[in-house]
Amino acid sequence: MSKYKVKVKIEFVECDDQDMHAPLEKNDGSFEMIIDGNDAISIDKSEKAVLATAYPSIRETLSKHLEQMSKKNP
């Protein structure tokens, strides 16, 4: 049986955009959320933002993967 690599990349990038306290899917399939500077220096608030942003990405990736797997193995 095949093996599969699972890759995750999380970035914090300084920007001047408006705060966006809900994940938004971008055209490339990635998700992002914009938090203010005070949240960015708080480990609890940063962790919450990372988890909230990662969750829809995880769900979408799993959905696509399992759909592809079901087509391979009917």
N, C-alpha and C. Protein backbone atom coordinates (compact mmCIF):
# COMPACT_ATOMS: atom_id res chain seq x y z
N MET A 1 0.84 -1.18 0.00
CA MET A 1 0.00 0.00 0.00
C MET A 1 0.89 1.24 0.00
N SER A 2 0.40 2.30 -0.63
CA SER A 2 1.14 3.56 -0.74
C SER A 2 1.32 4.23 0.62
N LYS A 3 2.31 5.09 0.68
CA LYS A 3 2.52 5.93 1.85
C LYS A 3 2.12 7.35 1.48
N TYR A 4 1.78 8.12 2.48
CA TYR A 4 1.37 9.50 2.25
C TYR A 4 2.11 10.43 3.20
N LYS A 5 2.58 11.53 2.67
CA LYS A 5 3.24 12.54 3.47
C LYS A 5 2.20 13.60 3.86
N VAL A 6 2.17 13.96 5.12
CA VAL A 6 1.30 15.02 5.60
C VAL A 6 2.18 16.22 5.90
N LYS A 7 1.87 17.37 5.26
CA LYS A 7 2.68 18.57 5.44
C LYS A 7 1.81 19.70 5.99
N VAL A 8 2.35 20.43 6.93
CA VAL A 8 1.67 21.58 7.52
C VAL A 8 2.67 22.73 7.60
N LYS A 9 2.21 23.93 7.25
CA LYS A 9 3.07 25.10 7.36
C LYS A 9 2.25 26.22 7.99
N ILE A 10 2.73 26.75 9.08
CA ILE A 10 2.08 27.86 9.77
C ILE A 10 3.03 29.05 9.73
N GLU A 11 2.53 30.21 9.36
CA GLU A 11 3.36 31.41 9.31
C GLU A 11 2.68 32.56 10.06
N PHE A 12 3.47 33.38 10.70
CA PHE A 12 3.02 34.66 11.22
C PHE A 12 3.73 35.71 10.37
N VAL A 13 2.96 36.52 9.66
CA VAL A 13 3.51 37.53 8.77
C VAL A 13 2.95 38.89 9.17
N GLU A 14 3.82 39.83 9.49
CA GLU A 14 3.38 41.16 9.86
C GLU A 14 2.71 41.83 8.67
N CYS A 15 1.57 42.48 8.92
CA CYS A 15 0.84 43.14 7.84
C CYS A 15 0.09 44.36 8.38
N ASP A 16 -0.48 45.14 7.48
CA ASP A 16 -1.26 46.32 7.85
C ASP A 16 -2.74 46.14 7.55
N ASP A 17 -3.17 44.91 7.26
CA ASP A 17 -4.57 44.64 6.92
C ASP A 17 -5.47 44.78 8.14
N GLN A 18 -6.76 44.92 7.90
CA GLN A 18 -7.75 44.98 8.97
C GLN A 18 -7.80 43.64 9.70
N ASP A 19 -8.09 43.68 11.02
CA ASP A 19 -8.27 42.44 11.77
C ASP A 19 -9.39 41.62 11.13
N MET A 20 -9.22 40.31 11.13
CA MET A 20 -10.22 39.40 10.56
C MET A 20 -10.25 38.20 11.51
N HIS A 21 -11.17 38.21 12.44
CA HIS A 21 -11.18 37.20 13.49
C HIS A 21 -11.92 35.93 13.11
N ALA A 22 -11.95 35.63 11.83
CA ALA A 22 -12.50 34.36 11.34
C ALA A 22 -11.64 33.94 10.16
N PRO A 23 -11.38 32.65 10.03
CA PRO A 23 -10.56 32.18 8.91
C PRO A 23 -11.23 32.47 7.57
N LEU A 24 -10.42 32.83 6.60
CA LEU A 24 -10.90 33.11 5.25
C LEU A 24 -10.08 32.28 4.28
N GLU A 25 -10.76 31.56 3.39
CA GLU A 25 -10.05 30.76 2.40
C GLU A 25 -9.58 31.65 1.27
N LYS A 26 -8.33 31.49 0.90
CA LYS A 26 -7.72 32.26 -0.19
C LYS A 26 -7.84 31.47 -1.50
N ASN A 27 -7.53 32.11 -2.61
CA ASN A 27 -7.65 31.48 -3.93
C ASN A 27 -6.75 30.26 -4.09
N ASP A 28 -5.64 30.21 -3.36
CA ASP A 28 -4.71 29.08 -3.49
C ASP A 28 -5.08 27.91 -2.58
N GLY A 29 -6.22 28.01 -1.88
CA GLY A 29 -6.66 26.92 -1.01
C GLY A 29 -6.18 27.05 0.42
N SER A 30 -5.33 28.04 0.68
CA SER A 30 -4.87 28.25 2.05
C SER A 30 -5.92 29.05 2.82
N PHE A 31 -5.78 29.06 4.14
CA PHE A 31 -6.67 29.83 4.99
C PHE A 31 -5.84 30.82 5.79
N GLU A 32 -6.42 31.99 6.05
CA GLU A 32 -5.69 32.96 6.87
C GLU A 32 -6.65 33.72 7.77
N MET A 33 -6.10 34.22 8.85
CA MET A 33 -6.83 35.05 9.80
C MET A 33 -5.88 36.18 10.18
N ILE A 34 -6.41 37.36 10.35
CA ILE A 34 -5.57 38.50 10.73
C ILE A 34 -5.92 38.90 12.16
N ILE A 35 -4.91 38.93 13.01
CA ILE A 35 -5.09 39.28 14.42
C ILE A 35 -4.31 40.55 14.71
N ASP A 36 -4.70 41.24 15.77
CA ASP A 36 -3.97 42.48 16.09
C ASP A 36 -2.67 42.17 16.83
N GLY A 37 -1.83 43.18 16.94
CA GLY A 37 -0.51 43.02 17.54
C GLY A 37 -0.55 42.53 18.97
N ASN A 38 -1.54 42.97 19.74
CA ASN A 38 -1.65 42.51 21.13
C ASN A 38 -1.93 41.02 21.21
N ASP A 39 -2.78 40.52 20.30
CA ASP A 39 -3.05 39.08 20.26
C ASP A 39 -1.82 38.31 19.81
N ALA A 40 -1.04 38.91 18.92
CA ALA A 40 0.14 38.23 18.36
C ALA A 40 1.23 38.02 19.40
N ILE A 41 1.22 38.80 20.48
CA ILE A 41 2.25 38.61 21.51
C ILE A 41 1.73 37.78 22.69
N SER A 42 0.50 37.34 22.61
CA SER A 42 -0.08 36.49 23.65
C SER A 42 -0.05 35.04 23.18
N ILE A 43 0.60 34.17 23.94
CA ILE A 43 0.68 32.77 23.51
C ILE A 43 -0.70 32.14 23.43
N ASP A 44 -1.57 32.45 24.37
CA ASP A 44 -2.92 31.87 24.36
C ASP A 44 -3.73 32.35 23.16
N LYS A 45 -3.69 33.65 22.89
CA LYS A 45 -4.46 34.19 21.77
C LYS A 45 -3.86 33.78 20.43
N SER A 46 -2.54 33.71 20.35
CA SER A 46 -1.90 33.25 19.12
C SER A 46 -2.22 31.78 18.85
N GLU A 47 -2.16 30.98 19.90
CA GLU A 47 -2.49 29.56 19.75
C GLU A 47 -3.94 29.39 19.30
N LYS A 48 -4.83 30.14 19.89
CA LYS A 48 -6.25 30.07 19.51
C LYS A 48 -6.43 30.45 18.04
N ALA A 49 -5.74 31.49 17.59
CA ALA A 49 -5.83 31.91 16.19
C ALA A 49 -5.27 30.85 15.25
N VAL A 50 -4.14 30.24 15.62
CA VAL A 50 -3.55 29.19 14.79
C VAL A 50 -4.50 28.00 14.68
N LEU A 51 -5.06 27.57 15.80
CA LEU A 51 -5.98 26.43 15.78
C LEU A 51 -7.25 26.75 15.00
N ALA A 52 -7.79 27.95 15.18
CA ALA A 52 -9.00 28.34 14.46
C ALA A 52 -8.76 28.43 12.96
N THR A 53 -7.56 28.86 12.57
CA THR A 53 -7.23 28.98 11.15
C THR A 53 -6.91 27.61 10.55
N ALA A 54 -6.27 26.77 11.32
CA ALA A 54 -5.89 25.45 10.81
C ALA A 54 -7.08 24.51 10.66
N TYR A 55 -8.07 24.64 11.53
CA TYR A 55 -9.19 23.69 11.53
C TYR A 55 -9.89 23.59 10.17
N PRO A 56 -10.32 24.70 9.54
CA PRO A 56 -10.99 24.54 8.24
C PRO A 56 -10.06 23.99 7.17
N SER A 57 -8.78 24.31 7.27
CA SER A 57 -7.81 23.77 6.33
C SER A 57 -7.68 22.26 6.48
N ILE A 58 -7.63 21.80 7.72
CA ILE A 58 -7.55 20.36 7.99
C ILE A 58 -8.78 19.65 7.45
N ARG A 59 -9.96 20.20 7.75
CA ARG A 59 -11.21 19.58 7.30
C ARG A 59 -11.28 19.52 5.78
N GLU A 60 -10.92 20.60 5.12
CA GLU A 60 -10.97 20.65 3.66
C GLU A 60 -9.98 19.65 3.04
N THR A 61 -8.78 19.60 3.59
CA THR A 61 -7.76 18.68 3.08
C THR A 61 -8.18 17.23 3.28
N LEU A 62 -8.69 16.91 4.46
CA LEU A 62 -9.17 15.54 4.72
C LEU A 62 -10.31 15.17 3.79
N SER A 63 -11.22 16.08 3.58
CA SER A 63 -12.35 15.82 2.70
C SER A 63 -11.88 15.49 1.28
N LYS A 64 -10.98 16.31 0.75
CA LYS A 64 -10.45 16.08 -0.59
C LYS A 64 -9.67 14.78 -0.67
N HIS A 65 -8.85 14.51 0.36
CA HIS A 65 -8.06 13.28 0.38
C HIS A 65 -8.96 12.04 0.39
N LEU A 66 -9.95 12.05 1.27
CA LEU A 66 -10.84 10.88 1.37
C LEU A 66 -11.70 10.71 0.12
N GLU A 67 -12.06 11.81 -0.52
CA GLU A 67 -12.79 11.71 -1.78
C GLU A 67 -11.93 11.04 -2.85
N GLN A 68 -10.66 11.47 -2.93
CA GLN A 68 -9.74 10.86 -3.89
C GLN A 68 -9.51 9.38 -3.59
N MET A 69 -9.38 9.05 -2.31
CA MET A 69 -9.16 7.66 -1.92
C MET A 69 -10.37 6.80 -2.27
N SER A 70 -11.56 7.34 -2.09
CA SER A 70 -12.76 6.55 -2.40
C SER A 70 -12.88 6.30 -3.90
N LYS A 71 -12.36 7.20 -4.71
CA LYS A 71 -12.36 7.00 -6.16
C LYS A 71 -11.33 5.95 -6.56
N LYS A 72 -10.22 5.86 -5.83
CA LYS A 72 -9.18 4.88 -6.12
C LYS A 72 -9.61 3.47 -5.70
N ASN A 73 -10.32 3.40 -4.57
CA ASN A 73 -10.70 2.10 -4.00
C ASN A 73 -12.22 2.03 -3.82
N PRO A 74 -12.95 1.80 -4.91
CA PRO A 74 -14.41 1.77 -4.79
C PRO A 74 -14.90 0.61 -3.92
